[in-house]
């Protein structure tokens, strides 16, 4: 696994997001992809995989302490562009990610059952190979298939040592994608998190003291903001009828994993 991280999520207005931008730039700089871009944001695409019973969706809804998501992360649809197979695990309050990169033209063969080989990798190292092998093993174990394509624009900041990261995600869209295809065009997407910006504070080991000041400045309250869950609920059974039964219900953002501004476990690490 990569280094364990903690993630705190908040929903803020665009006006507050602009104040957050000014505040964060006093402490850390843009990541390499945000710098110089319009609105300091770059496109992010993810293809989420799940079982016919939507195991990973329901694990999140039920608040299982130990759960994971399977997604394929990419930034454009060129056949030779990098595509990352990612396992995002939550173990209690800790987030652990494991990922390995391949070329886009290898997505369909790998999801069809081809065993990952070192020659498939962007970075030919054992860590990346193990990540993709683990991804494929989990996919086969729960019989996961492509379900939903999610897109958003990300503004990101990172510390020099990569231990502190702040992201703000806007314009979240989702569309069913039941095929192992890497695409960027959406024809009739559902829009989620409209009117708000998803603010995420991410850190390793120590909760930065200035995060507390940032939260107070933004007058933000920690909440759940699972893009995959909200996308499933926004699309509904009519859009996803081939993947089994999904309960259509109002957004749970108002009460899903809501907590204090800074949880006790974070303050204990400061």
Protein backbone atom coordinates (compact mmCIF):
# COMPACT_ATOMS: atom_id res chain seq x y z
CA UNK A 1 0.00 0.00 0.00
CA UNK A 2 0.97 3.61 -0.44
CA UNK A 3 1.44 5.69 2.69
CA UNK A 4 -1.77 5.82 4.74
CA UNK A 5 -3.65 9.09 4.53
CA UNK A 6 -6.56 10.79 6.20
CA UNK A 7 -9.17 12.71 4.25
CA UNK A 8 -11.66 15.30 5.53
CA UNK A 9 -14.43 16.44 3.19
CA UNK A 10 -16.54 19.61 3.23
CA UNK A 11 -19.11 21.20 0.94
CA UNK A 12 -18.59 24.94 0.47
CA UNK A 13 -19.96 27.71 -1.71
CA UNK A 14 -18.01 29.11 -4.66
CA UNK A 15 -17.50 32.33 -2.73
CA UNK A 16 -15.98 30.39 0.15
CA UNK A 17 -13.87 28.33 -2.26
CA UNK A 18 -12.23 31.51 -3.54
CA UNK A 19 -11.34 32.47 0.03
CA UNK A 20 -9.97 28.97 0.58
CA UNK A 21 -7.80 29.40 -2.51
CA UNK A 22 -6.21 32.56 -1.14
CA UNK A 23 -5.74 31.00 2.31
CA UNK A 24 -4.16 27.74 1.10
CA UNK A 25 -1.66 29.53 -1.19
CA UNK A 26 -0.10 31.07 1.91
CA UNK A 27 1.03 27.56 2.97
CA UNK A 28 1.38 25.28 -0.07
CA UNK A 29 1.52 25.67 -3.85
CA UNK A 30 -0.40 24.36 -6.84
CA UNK A 31 0.27 20.82 -7.94
CA UNK A 32 1.92 20.45 -11.32
CA UNK A 33 -1.36 19.98 -13.20
CA UNK A 34 -3.28 22.95 -11.75
CA UNK A 35 -0.65 25.60 -12.27
CA UNK A 36 -1.26 27.78 -15.29
CA UNK A 37 -4.66 26.30 -16.19
CA UNK A 38 -7.93 28.25 -16.47
CA UNK A 39 -9.43 28.53 -12.99
CA UNK A 40 -6.39 26.49 -11.89
CA UNK A 41 -8.35 23.31 -12.65
CA UNK A 42 -7.82 20.19 -14.75
CA UNK A 43 -10.26 17.45 -15.86
CA UNK A 44 -10.45 14.16 -13.98
CA UNK A 45 -12.28 11.09 -15.28
CA UNK A 46 -13.01 7.88 -13.38
CA UNK A 47 -14.67 4.65 -14.47
CA UNK A 48 -16.05 2.90 -11.38
CA UNK A 49 -16.49 -0.86 -11.27
CA UNK A 50 -18.94 -2.74 -9.05
CA UNK A 51 -20.72 -6.07 -8.73
CA UNK A 52 -24.23 -6.78 -10.02
CA UNK A 53 -25.49 -6.27 -6.46
CA UNK A 54 -23.51 -3.01 -6.18
CA UNK A 55 -21.46 -4.29 -3.26
CA UNK A 56 -19.10 -1.33 -2.97
CA UNK A 57 -22.01 1.14 -3.22
CA UNK A 58 -23.92 -0.55 -0.41
CA UNK A 59 -20.80 -0.94 1.72
CA UNK A 60 -20.49 2.85 1.63
CA UNK A 61 -24.19 3.46 2.27
CA UNK A 62 -24.08 1.09 5.25
CA UNK A 63 -20.98 2.80 6.64
CA UNK A 64 -18.84 -0.35 6.72
CA UNK A 65 -15.61 0.46 8.53
CA UNK A 66 -13.47 -1.61 6.17
CA UNK A 67 -14.45 -1.09 2.56
CA UNK A 68 -12.98 -0.33 -0.84
CA UNK A 69 -13.80 1.07 -4.27
CA UNK A 70 -12.48 -0.03 -7.65
CA UNK A 71 -11.93 2.69 -10.22
CA UNK A 72 -9.96 3.44 -13.34
CA UNK A 73 -8.60 7.00 -13.30
CA UNK A 74 -7.60 8.87 -16.48
CA UNK A 75 -7.30 12.39 -17.86
CA UNK A 76 -7.90 12.04 -21.60
CA UNK A 77 -8.98 9.34 -24.05
CA UNK A 78 -5.89 9.01 -26.27
CA UNK A 79 -5.03 5.30 -26.82
CA UNK A 80 -1.49 5.73 -25.51
CA UNK A 81 -2.33 8.01 -22.58
CA UNK A 82 -1.80 6.76 -19.02
CA UNK A 83 -4.68 5.04 -17.24
CA UNK A 84 -4.48 4.09 -13.57
CA UNK A 85 -6.11 1.08 -11.95
CA UNK A 86 -6.86 2.18 -8.38
CA UNK A 87 -8.04 0.47 -5.21
CA UNK A 88 -9.18 3.00 -2.64
CA UNK A 89 -9.61 1.39 0.76
CA UNK A 90 -11.02 2.81 3.96
CA UNK A 91 -9.90 1.05 7.14
CA UNK A 92 -11.71 2.77 10.01
CA UNK A 93 -10.72 6.44 9.49
CA UNK A 94 -7.64 5.75 7.42
CA UNK A 95 -7.49 5.95 3.61
CA UNK A 96 -5.11 3.71 1.69
CA UNK A 97 -4.64 3.78 -2.05
CA UNK A 98 -2.94 1.31 -4.31
CA UNK A 99 -2.55 1.99 -8.00
CA UNK A 100 -0.67 1.05 -11.12
CA UNK A 101 -0.63 2.65 -14.55
CA UNK A 102 -1.04 1.16 -18.03
CA UNK A 103 -1.75 2.51 -21.50
CA UNK A 104 -5.40 3.13 -22.32
CA UNK A 105 -5.48 0.40 -24.95
CA UNK A 106 -4.78 -2.19 -22.25
CA UNK A 107 -7.94 -1.46 -20.22
CA UNK A 108 -10.30 -3.75 -22.13
CA UNK A 109 -7.93 -6.78 -22.22
CA UNK A 110 -7.16 -6.52 -18.50
CA UNK A 111 -10.84 -6.20 -17.55
CA UNK A 112 -11.59 -9.15 -19.82
CA UNK A 113 -9.33 -11.34 -17.70
CA UNK A 114 -5.87 -11.02 -19.24
CA UNK A 115 -3.32 -11.47 -16.49
CA UNK A 116 -1.27 -8.30 -15.88
CA UNK A 117 2.33 -8.49 -17.05
CA UNK A 118 5.27 -6.19 -16.50
CA UNK A 119 5.19 -5.22 -20.19
CA UNK A 120 1.73 -3.71 -19.72
CA UNK A 121 2.91 -1.14 -17.19
CA UNK A 122 3.81 2.51 -17.59
CA UNK A 123 6.32 2.21 -14.78
CA UNK A 124 7.90 -1.21 -14.83
CA UNK A 125 8.25 -1.87 -11.12
CA UNK A 126 6.96 -4.54 -8.81
CA UNK A 127 4.80 -2.16 -6.77
CA UNK A 128 2.76 -1.11 -9.80
CA UNK A 129 2.45 -4.69 -11.02
CA UNK A 130 1.16 -5.86 -7.63
CA UNK A 131 -1.36 -3.00 -7.55
CA UNK A 132 -2.87 -3.98 -10.89
CA UNK A 133 -2.82 -7.68 -10.02
CA UNK A 134 -4.66 -6.95 -6.76
CA UNK A 135 -7.17 -4.78 -8.64
CA UNK A 136 -7.86 -7.60 -11.10
CA UNK A 137 -8.15 -10.14 -8.28
CA UNK A 138 -10.74 -8.04 -6.42
CA UNK A 139 -12.59 -7.42 -9.68
CA UNK A 140 -12.84 -11.14 -10.35
CA UNK A 141 -13.71 -11.96 -6.73
CA UNK A 142 -16.87 -9.81 -6.69
CA UNK A 143 -17.46 -10.11 -10.46
CA UNK A 144 -17.15 -6.36 -10.82
CA UNK A 145 -17.87 -4.68 -14.14
CA UNK A 146 -17.80 -1.08 -15.42
CA UNK A 147 -20.76 0.88 -14.06
CA UNK A 148 -20.40 4.65 -13.94
CA UNK A 149 -18.19 7.25 -15.62
CA UNK A 150 -17.64 10.29 -13.38
CA UNK A 151 -16.08 13.58 -14.44
CA UNK A 152 -15.15 16.74 -12.55
CA UNK A 153 -12.72 19.67 -12.63
CA UNK A 154 -10.08 19.60 -9.88
CA UNK A 155 -8.11 22.46 -8.35
CA UNK A 156 -5.25 21.00 -6.33
CA UNK A 157 -2.50 22.12 -3.96
CA UNK A 158 0.29 20.01 -2.53
CA UNK A 159 3.17 20.46 -0.09
CA UNK A 160 6.75 19.89 -1.18
CA UNK A 161 6.94 16.60 0.75
CA UNK A 162 3.53 15.43 -0.58
CA UNK A 163 2.26 14.91 2.98
CA UNK A 164 -0.37 17.65 2.77
CA UNK A 165 -2.82 18.10 -0.06
CA UNK A 166 -5.91 20.27 -0.62
CA UNK A 167 -8.30 19.77 -3.51
CA UNK A 168 -11.47 21.51 -4.66
CA UNK A 169 -13.70 19.67 -7.12
CA UNK A 170 -16.36 21.35 -9.28
CA UNK A 171 -18.85 20.51 -12.03
CA UNK A 172 -19.30 16.85 -11.07
CA UNK A 173 -21.08 14.83 -13.76
CA UNK A 174 -21.93 11.16 -14.06
CA UNK A 175 -23.14 8.85 -16.80
CA UNK A 176 -23.61 5.11 -17.03
CA UNK A 177 -20.78 3.31 -18.81
CA UNK A 178 -21.26 -0.44 -18.83
CA UNK A 179 -18.36 -1.16 -21.16
CA UNK A 180 -14.58 -1.28 -20.55
CA UNK A 181 -14.07 1.90 -22.56
CA UNK A 182 -12.01 4.95 -21.68
CA UNK A 183 -13.95 7.96 -22.91
CA UNK A 184 -14.27 11.62 -22.03
CA UNK A 185 -17.44 12.63 -23.89
CA UNK A 186 -20.76 12.43 -22.03
CA UNK A 187 -24.07 12.58 -23.90
CA UNK A 188 -26.68 12.91 -21.16
CA UNK A 189 -24.94 13.18 -17.79
CA UNK A 190 -26.50 13.60 -14.39
CA UNK A 191 -25.17 16.58 -12.43
CA UNK A 192 -24.40 16.09 -8.75
CA UNK A 193 -23.20 18.46 -6.03
CA UNK A 194 -24.71 21.37 -7.94
CA UNK A 195 -24.09 24.76 -6.41
CA UNK A 196 -21.30 23.58 -4.12
CA UNK A 197 -17.59 22.88 -4.28
CA UNK A 198 -16.19 19.68 -2.73
CA UNK A 199 -13.28 20.67 -0.51
CA UNK A 200 -10.95 17.86 0.62
CA UNK A 201 -8.15 18.18 3.14
CA UNK A 202 -5.68 15.30 2.97
CA UNK A 203 -2.72 14.66 5.21
CA UNK A 204 -0.28 12.01 6.38
CA UNK A 205 0.51 11.37 10.04
CA UNK A 206 0.06 14.84 11.56
CA UNK A 207 -3.02 17.04 11.22
CA UNK A 208 -1.58 20.41 10.09
CA UNK A 209 -2.36 23.17 12.56
CA UNK A 210 -3.28 25.55 9.74
CA UNK A 211 -6.00 23.14 8.58
CA UNK A 212 -7.90 24.00 11.76
CA UNK A 213 -7.62 27.70 10.93
CA UNK A 214 -8.74 27.02 7.37
CA UNK A 215 -11.86 25.15 8.53
CA UNK A 216 -12.79 27.95 10.90
CA UNK A 217 -12.23 30.60 8.24
CA UNK A 218 -14.46 28.71 5.83
CA UNK A 219 -17.05 28.03 8.56
CA UNK A 220 -17.27 24.51 7.12
CA UNK A 221 -18.67 21.34 8.65
CA UNK A 222 -17.24 17.94 7.82
CA UNK A 223 -19.60 15.70 5.84
CA UNK A 224 -19.68 12.81 3.43
CA UNK A 225 -19.22 13.58 -0.26
CA UNK A 226 -18.90 10.24 -2.05
CA UNK A 227 -19.08 10.97 -5.77
CA UNK A 228 -19.82 7.36 -6.69
CA UNK A 229 -22.71 7.07 -4.22
CA UNK A 230 -24.26 10.37 -5.25
CA UNK A 231 -23.86 9.47 -8.92
CA UNK A 232 -25.67 6.14 -8.48
CA UNK A 233 -28.51 7.90 -6.68
CA UNK A 234 -28.71 10.67 -9.30
CA UNK A 235 -28.77 8.26 -12.23
CA UNK A 236 -31.34 5.94 -10.63
CA UNK A 237 -32.58 2.56 -11.80
CA UNK A 238 -33.87 3.96 -15.09
CA UNK A 239 -30.37 4.84 -16.20
CA UNK A 240 -28.71 1.81 -14.61
CA UNK A 241 -31.38 -0.85 -15.09
CA UNK A 242 -28.90 -3.42 -16.36
CA UNK A 243 -26.93 -3.49 -13.11
CA UNK A 244 -29.58 -4.61 -10.69
CA UNK A 245 -31.69 -2.93 -8.10
CA UNK A 246 -30.68 0.48 -6.81
CA UNK A 247 -32.87 2.26 -4.30
CA UNK A 248 -33.79 5.69 -5.59
CA UNK A 249 -33.75 8.13 -2.72
CA UNK A 250 -32.98 11.79 -2.01
CA UNK A 251 -29.39 12.82 -1.56
CA UNK A 252 -27.96 11.84 1.81
CA UNK A 253 -25.43 14.62 1.90
CA UNK A 254 -27.24 16.27 4.80
CA UNK A 255 -26.60 13.39 7.20
CA UNK A 256 -24.13 11.02 5.59
CA UNK A 257 -21.04 10.67 7.81
CA UNK A 258 -21.55 14.15 9.23
CA UNK A 259 -19.17 15.03 12.03
CA UNK A 260 -17.57 17.88 13.89
CA UNK A 261 -15.42 20.45 12.15
CA UNK A 262 -12.34 18.50 13.18
CA UNK A 263 -12.79 14.94 14.49
CA UNK A 264 -11.19 13.91 17.76
CA UNK A 265 -8.76 11.53 16.07
CA UNK A 266 -7.39 14.40 13.98
CA UNK A 267 -6.98 16.75 16.89
CA UNK A 268 -5.17 14.02 18.78
CA UNK A 269 -2.52 13.97 16.04
CA UNK A 270 -1.95 17.72 15.94
